Amino acid sequence: MNLLFFLAGDPSQGGGFESLFFLVALFLVFYLFIIRPQSKRQKEIQKKVSEIKKGDKIVTSGGVIATVISTEETSVLAEIDKDVKVRFLKSAVVEVNPEKI
């Protein structure tokens, strides 16, 4: 038996419903295990970034770990090391961990 006929159904037997069911099931698996958790994590990160305050530790998309000194509407002034200050866009912040880092 050909593998294609097994997955899509034999055209002589009207396998359109089984093929449609397979595609819907495949989409459902992708949604539950890939799309939904990723979008949930992205919303959580956006919430943390919008609530950044002085003293929080952040990680940027470039891998820079810093402590927040001040925040503005779209940027953050952070201290990387003693007397080394850098301004980052809030969109570059990928993690806010005041306790962990």
C-alpha atoms as a PDB file:
ATOM      1  CA  MET A   1       0.000   0.000   0.000  1.00  0.00           C
ATOM      2  CA  ASN A   2       1.324   3.402  -0.938  1.00  0.00           C
ATOM      3  CA  LEU A   3       2.060   5.718   2.022  1.00  0.00           C
ATOM      4  CA  LEU A   4       0.408   8.663   0.272  1.00  0.00           C
ATOM      5  CA  PHE A   5      -2.857   6.742  -0.052  1.00  0.00           C
ATOM      6  CA  PHE A   6      -2.595   5.736   3.602  1.00  0.00           C
ATOM      7  CA  LEU A   7      -2.337   9.337   4.799  1.00  0.00           C
ATOM      8  CA  ALA A   8      -4.690  11.005   2.338  1.00  0.00           C
ATOM      9  CA  GLY A   9      -7.089   8.146   1.828  1.00  0.00           C
ATOM     10  CA  ASP A  10      -7.678   6.165  -1.335  1.00  0.00           C
ATOM     11  CA  PRO A  11      -9.337   8.446  -3.912  1.00  0.00           C
ATOM     12  CA  SER A  12     -11.515   5.617  -5.121  1.00  0.00           C
ATOM     13  CA  GLN A  13     -12.965   5.288  -1.594  1.00  0.00           C
ATOM     14  CA  GLY A  14     -13.704   8.996  -1.051  1.00  0.00           C
ATOM     15  CA  GLY A  15     -10.955   9.675   1.537  1.00  0.00           C
ATOM     16  CA  GLY A  16     -11.434  13.458   1.567  1.00  0.00           C
ATOM     17  CA  PHE A  17     -12.915  13.512   5.061  1.00  0.00           C
ATOM     18  CA  GLU A  18     -10.008  11.551   6.545  1.00  0.00           C
ATOM     19  CA  SER A  19      -7.537  13.889   4.880  1.00  0.00           C
ATOM     20  CA  LEU A  20      -9.333  16.953   6.227  1.00  0.00           C
ATOM     21  CA  PHE A  21      -9.459  15.391   9.706  1.00  0.00           C
ATOM     22  CA  PHE A  22      -5.714  14.688   9.550  1.00  0.00           C
ATOM     23  CA  LEU A  23      -4.918  18.309   8.602  1.00  0.00           C
ATOM     24  CA  VAL A  24      -7.145  19.711  11.348  1.00  0.00           C
ATOM     25  CA  ALA A  25      -5.567  17.375  13.906  1.00  0.00           C
ATOM     26  CA  LEU A  26      -2.087  18.401  12.745  1.00  0.00           C
ATOM     27  CA  PHE A  27      -2.928  22.112  13.074  1.00  0.00           C
ATOM     28  CA  LEU A  28      -4.394  21.509  16.539  1.00  0.00           C
ATOM     29  CA  VAL A  29      -1.189  19.790  17.698  1.00  0.00           C
ATOM     30  CA  PHE A  30       0.938  22.664  16.358  1.00  0.00           C
ATOM     31  CA  TYR A  31      -1.302  25.205  18.071  1.00  0.00           C
ATOM     32  CA  LEU A  32      -1.321  23.449  21.450  1.00  0.00           C
ATOM     33  CA  PHE A  33       2.371  22.609  21.633  1.00  0.00           C
ATOM     34  CA  ILE A  34       4.089  25.411  19.703  1.00  0.00           C
ATOM     35  CA  ILE A  35       1.999  28.493  18.936  1.00  0.00           C
ATOM     36  CA  ARG A  36       0.053  28.896  22.196  1.00  0.00           C
ATOM     37  CA  PRO A  37       2.989  28.516  24.649  1.00  0.00           C
ATOM     38  CA  GLN A  38       5.145  30.883  22.575  1.00  0.00           C
ATOM     39  CA  SER A  39       2.488  33.592  22.425  1.00  0.00           C
ATOM     40  CA  LYS A  40       1.824  33.185  26.155  1.00  0.00           C
ATOM     41  CA  ARG A  41       5.541  33.644  26.906  1.00  0.00           C
ATOM     42  CA  GLN A  42       5.713  36.679  24.598  1.00  0.00           C
ATOM     43  CA  LYS A  43       2.801  38.361  26.401  1.00  0.00           C
ATOM     44  CA  GLU A  44       4.472  37.667  29.750  1.00  0.00           C
ATOM     45  CA  ILE A  45       7.738  39.258  28.569  1.00  0.00           C
ATOM     46  CA  GLN A  46       5.906  42.320  27.196  1.00  0.00           C
ATOM     47  CA  LYS A  47       4.146  42.754  30.538  1.00  0.00           C
ATOM     48  CA  LYS A  48       7.436  42.561  32.469  1.00  0.00           C
ATOM     49  CA  VAL A  49       9.135  45.024  30.102  1.00  0.00           C
ATOM     50  CA  SER A  50       6.297  47.523  30.470  1.00  0.00           C
ATOM     51  CA  GLU A  51       6.661  47.313  34.272  1.00  0.00           C
ATOM     52  CA  ILE A  52      10.467  47.795  34.394  1.00  0.00           C
ATOM     53  CA  LYS A  53      11.559  49.952  37.294  1.00  0.00           C
ATOM     54  CA  LYS A  54      14.807  51.233  38.781  1.00  0.00           C
ATOM     55  CA  GLY A  55      16.944  48.459  40.255  1.00  0.00           C
ATOM     56  CA  ASP A  56      15.615  45.630  38.064  1.00  0.00           C
ATOM     57  CA  LYS A  57      18.127  43.383  36.371  1.00  0.00           C
ATOM     58  CA  ILE A  58      17.588  42.954  32.637  1.00  0.00           C
ATOM     59  CA  VAL A  59      18.964  40.839  29.815  1.00  0.00           C
ATOM     60  CA  THR A  60      19.016  42.287  26.302  1.00  0.00           C
ATOM     61  CA  SER A  61      18.713  40.503  22.979  1.00  0.00           C
ATOM     62  CA  GLY A  62      22.479  40.909  22.598  1.00  0.00           C
ATOM     63  CA  GLY A  63      23.080  39.045  25.853  1.00  0.00           C
ATOM     64  CA  VAL A  64      24.047  42.089  27.910  1.00  0.00           C
ATOM     65  CA  ILE A  65      23.117  41.846  31.594  1.00  0.00           C
ATOM     66  CA  ALA A  66      22.551  45.190  33.292  1.00  0.00           C
ATOM     67  CA  THR A  67      20.817  46.969  36.172  1.00  0.00           C
ATOM     68  CA  VAL A  68      18.171  49.572  35.348  1.00  0.00           C
ATOM     69  CA  ILE A  69      18.978  53.118  36.447  1.00  0.00           C
ATOM     70  CA  SER A  70      16.056  54.938  34.850  1.00  0.00           C
ATOM     71  CA  THR A  71      13.282  54.336  32.348  1.00  0.00           C
ATOM     72  CA  GLU A  72      11.672  56.431  29.660  1.00  0.00           C
ATOM     73  CA  GLU A  73       8.764  55.761  27.353  1.00  0.00           C
ATOM     74  CA  THR A  74      10.707  53.714  24.788  1.00  0.00           C
ATOM     75  CA  SER A  75      14.162  53.281  26.329  1.00  0.00           C
ATOM     76  CA  VAL A  76      15.970  52.195  29.466  1.00  0.00           C
ATOM     77  CA  LEU A  77      19.197  53.569  30.924  1.00  0.00           C
ATOM     78  CA  ALA A  78      21.086  50.677  32.463  1.00  0.00           C
ATOM     79  CA  GLU A  79      24.414  50.197  34.208  1.00  0.00           C
ATOM     80  CA  ILE A  80      26.524  47.312  32.924  1.00  0.00           C
ATOM     81  CA  ASP A  81      29.449  47.790  35.288  1.00  0.00           C
ATOM     82  CA  LYS A  82      30.556  50.464  37.722  1.00  0.00           C
ATOM     83  CA  ASP A  83      30.263  53.824  35.913  1.00  0.00           C
ATOM     84  CA  VAL A  84      29.432  52.130  32.562  1.00  0.00           C
ATOM     85  CA  LYS A  85      25.945  53.203  31.498  1.00  0.00           C
ATOM     86  CA  VAL A  86      24.153  52.252  28.293  1.00  0.00           C
ATOM     87  CA  ARG A  87      20.759  53.198  26.889  1.00  0.00           C
ATOM     88  CA  PHE A  88      18.694  50.333  25.411  1.00  0.00           C
ATOM     89  CA  LEU A  89      15.397  50.339  23.612  1.00  0.00           C
ATOM     90  CA  LYS A  90      12.730  48.520  25.603  1.00  0.00           C
ATOM     91  CA  SER A  91      12.164  46.296  22.572  1.00  0.00           C
ATOM     92  CA  ALA A  92      15.728  44.946  23.012  1.00  0.00           C
ATOM     93  CA  VAL A  93      14.980  43.698  26.540  1.00  0.00           C
ATOM     94  CA  VAL A  94      14.186  39.988  26.437  1.00  0.00           C
ATOM     95  CA  GLU A  95      14.150  39.176  30.140  1.00  0.00           C
ATOM     96  CA  VAL A  96      13.496  41.000  33.395  1.00  0.00           C
ATOM     97  CA  ASN A  97      14.729  39.116  36.449  1.00  0.00           C
ATOM     98  CA  PRO A  98      15.180  41.222  39.537  1.00  0.00           C
ATOM     99  CA  GLU A  99      15.887  38.191  41.757  1.00  0.00           C
ATOM    100  CA  LYS A 100      17.629  35.623  39.551  1.00  0.00           C
ATOM    101  CA  ILE A 101      20.608  37.408  37.997  1.00  0.00           C
END
